[in-house]
Amino acid sequence: MKRLHIHVGVENIDDAIRFYSALFGAAPVKTKQDYAKWMLDDPHVNFAVSTRSGKRGVDHLGIQVDSAEELNALRTQLSAANLSMHSEGETTCCYARSEKSWVEDPAGMAWEAYHTMEDAQMYGDKPAAATQESACCAPPASVKPAAIKTAGGGCGTSGSGCC
């Protein structure tokens, strides 16, 4: 089953937890000093906030799936639509170990397609994400609207990780 994912950058995690808990009528399922996540069934969404985002407001969107098979099917769907995709592979981000791919919509909004395997004790596996106020959940610079595949061209430079 697919679940919409929304990640919002916030300035104050405690204020955000109070607000979104009241809005959703539920406490977050995961809280850290810089991160909180709600797994809601109505609406069916994985809603996360963090102080580590490089900006305030909607940072990125995504589609979370329950299995590796669903992730492969979603990747196939994106590839069949000739969208430039970066497969990040297994990574630790937002206190979870996941398998991810990224695309960017024509307006520049980053979308991740991912399957979470387990919780993690650290925010990210990249040194900057694990130790500094920085986001780990971001597509690589090679995933831009200009990189969307066309019938006559490829999806970026050789070795870019796209497609």
Protein backbone atom coordinates (compact mmCIF):
# COMPACT_ATOMS: atom_id res chain seq x y z
CA MET A 1 0.00 0.00 0.00
CA LYS A 2 1.25 3.47 -0.80
CA ARG A 3 1.31 6.35 1.67
CA LEU A 4 1.84 10.00 0.78
CA HIS A 5 4.86 11.53 2.52
CA ILE A 6 5.20 15.22 3.38
CA HIS A 7 8.28 16.65 5.07
CA VAL A 8 8.06 20.19 6.48
CA GLY A 9 10.98 22.24 7.74
CA VAL A 10 10.16 24.01 11.00
CA GLU A 11 11.96 26.47 13.26
CA ASN A 12 10.78 25.10 16.62
CA ILE A 13 10.13 21.37 16.97
CA ASP A 14 8.08 21.66 20.19
CA ASP A 15 5.73 24.25 18.66
CA ALA A 16 5.35 22.08 15.55
CA ILE A 17 4.58 18.97 17.60
CA ARG A 18 1.90 20.83 19.57
CA PHE A 19 0.32 22.29 16.43
CA TYR A 20 0.31 19.15 14.28
CA SER A 21 -0.76 16.90 17.16
CA ALA A 22 -3.79 19.17 17.63
CA LEU A 23 -4.45 19.33 13.88
CA PHE A 24 -4.23 15.55 13.41
CA GLY A 25 -5.77 14.61 16.78
CA ALA A 26 -2.82 12.28 17.36
CA ALA A 27 0.63 12.30 18.90
CA PRO A 28 3.65 11.63 16.67
CA VAL A 29 4.81 8.01 16.43
CA LYS A 30 8.46 9.12 16.53
CA THR A 31 9.98 12.15 18.23
CA LYS A 32 13.60 13.26 18.48
CA GLN A 33 15.11 16.58 19.52
CA ASP A 34 15.02 17.76 15.89
CA TYR A 35 12.38 15.55 14.25
CA ALA A 36 8.84 14.23 14.62
CA LYS A 37 6.74 11.90 12.46
CA TRP A 38 3.04 11.03 12.31
CA MET A 39 1.87 7.89 10.48
CA LEU A 40 -1.78 8.73 9.86
CA ASP A 41 -4.44 6.47 8.42
CA ASP A 42 -6.96 9.26 7.80
CA PRO A 43 -5.61 10.82 5.68
CA HIS A 44 -3.16 8.05 4.73
CA VAL A 45 0.04 10.06 5.11
CA ASN A 46 3.51 9.94 6.62
CA PHE A 47 3.87 13.53 7.84
CA ALA A 48 7.26 14.59 9.21
CA VAL A 49 8.71 17.82 10.55
CA SER A 50 12.32 18.66 11.33
CA THR A 51 14.54 21.56 12.21
CA ARG A 52 17.24 20.18 9.88
CA SER A 53 15.59 21.16 6.61
CA GLY A 54 17.42 23.83 4.66
CA LYS A 55 14.20 25.83 4.48
CA ARG A 56 10.93 26.43 6.32
CA GLY A 57 7.71 25.00 4.93
CA VAL A 58 7.28 22.06 2.59
CA ASP A 59 10.74 20.62 2.01
CA HIS A 60 9.87 17.61 -0.13
CA LEU A 61 7.08 15.17 -0.89
CA GLY A 62 7.16 11.46 -1.44
CA ILE A 63 5.46 8.13 -1.82
CA GLN A 64 6.27 5.54 0.81
CA VAL A 65 5.66 1.89 -0.06
CA ASP A 66 5.51 -1.20 2.12
CA SER A 67 7.86 -3.48 0.19
CA ALA A 68 10.84 -3.66 -2.14
CA GLU A 69 8.52 -5.07 -4.81
CA GLU A 70 6.26 -2.01 -4.60
CA LEU A 71 9.30 0.27 -4.81
CA ASN A 72 10.51 -1.54 -7.94
CA ALA A 73 7.03 -1.19 -9.47
CA LEU A 74 7.01 2.55 -8.69
CA ARG A 75 10.50 2.94 -10.17
CA THR A 76 9.34 1.09 -13.30
CA GLN A 77 6.33 3.42 -13.55
CA LEU A 78 8.57 6.51 -13.32
CA SER A 79 11.03 5.09 -15.83
CA ALA A 80 8.22 4.22 -18.27
CA ALA A 81 7.13 7.88 -18.08
CA ASN A 82 10.67 8.87 -19.14
CA LEU A 83 11.35 10.78 -15.93
CA SER A 84 14.92 11.34 -14.84
CA MET A 85 15.34 9.41 -11.63
CA HIS A 86 18.22 9.09 -9.20
CA SER A 87 18.32 5.84 -7.24
CA GLU A 88 20.01 6.61 -3.95
CA GLY A 89 20.01 3.00 -2.83
CA GLU A 90 20.00 2.12 0.86
CA THR A 91 20.51 5.13 3.09
CA THR A 92 19.87 6.31 6.62
CA CYS A 93 17.80 9.46 6.78
CA CYS A 94 15.25 10.87 9.22
CA TYR A 95 16.05 8.21 11.80
CA ALA A 96 15.21 5.37 9.40
CA ARG A 97 17.05 3.01 7.05
CA SER A 98 15.40 3.14 3.64
CA GLU A 99 15.87 2.37 -0.04
CA LYS A 100 15.17 5.55 -2.06
CA SER A 101 14.84 7.06 -5.48
CA TRP A 102 14.29 10.74 -6.29
CA VAL A 103 12.59 12.72 -9.04
CA GLU A 104 11.84 16.41 -9.31
CA ASP A 105 8.56 17.73 -10.67
CA PRO A 106 8.41 20.49 -13.33
CA ALA A 107 7.96 23.14 -10.58
CA GLY A 108 11.17 22.02 -8.86
CA MET A 109 9.58 20.09 -5.97
CA ALA A 110 11.62 17.08 -4.88
CA TRP A 111 9.73 13.77 -4.65
CA GLU A 112 11.15 10.64 -3.09
CA ALA A 113 9.93 7.11 -3.70
CA TYR A 114 11.04 4.89 -0.86
CA HIS A 115 10.69 1.76 1.23
CA THR A 116 11.67 1.94 4.92
CA MET A 117 13.24 -1.22 6.32
CA GLU A 118 13.85 -0.22 9.95
CA ASP A 119 14.30 2.59 12.46
CA ALA A 120 17.75 4.07 12.98
CA GLN A 121 19.31 5.84 15.95
CA MET A 122 20.90 8.64 13.94
CA TYR A 123 19.39 11.24 11.62
CA GLY A 124 21.50 10.44 8.58
CA ASP A 125 24.40 8.31 7.40
CA LYS A 126 26.27 11.16 5.72
CA PRO A 127 28.60 12.92 8.19
CA ALA A 128 27.02 16.38 7.66
CA ALA A 129 23.50 15.02 8.12
CA ALA A 130 24.45 13.04 11.20
CA THR A 131 26.25 15.84 13.02
CA GLN A 132 25.08 19.21 11.70
CA GLU A 133 21.87 21.08 11.13
CA SER A 134 21.47 19.85 7.57
CA ALA A 135 18.95 17.85 5.65
CA CYS A 136 19.74 14.33 4.49
CA CYS A 137 16.48 13.98 2.61
CA ALA A 138 17.24 15.79 -0.59
CA PRO A 139 17.67 14.74 -4.18
CA PRO A 140 21.09 15.09 -5.77
CA ALA A 141 21.72 18.18 -7.88
CA SER A 142 21.53 16.01 -11.01
CA VAL A 143 17.77 15.59 -10.56
CA LYS A 144 16.40 18.77 -12.13
CA PRO A 145 13.49 19.42 -14.50
CA ALA A 146 15.99 20.01 -17.30
CA ALA A 147 17.24 16.46 -16.78
CA ILE A 148 13.86 14.95 -17.69
CA LYS A 149 14.47 12.47 -20.47
CA THR A 150 13.30 13.18 -23.96
CA ALA A 151 12.95 10.76 -26.82
CA GLY A 152 16.17 12.03 -28.40
CA GLY A 153 18.31 12.47 -25.31
CA GLY A 154 19.54 10.71 -22.26
CA CYS A 155 18.79 11.46 -18.66
CA GLY A 156 21.96 13.23 -17.68
CA THR A 157 25.65 12.68 -17.92
CA SER A 158 27.26 9.28 -17.83
CA GLY A 159 27.72 8.08 -14.27
CA SER A 160 25.24 10.64 -12.88
CA GLY A 161 23.21 7.93 -11.18
CA CYS A 162 20.09 8.81 -13.14
CA CYS A 163 17.70 6.22 -14.43
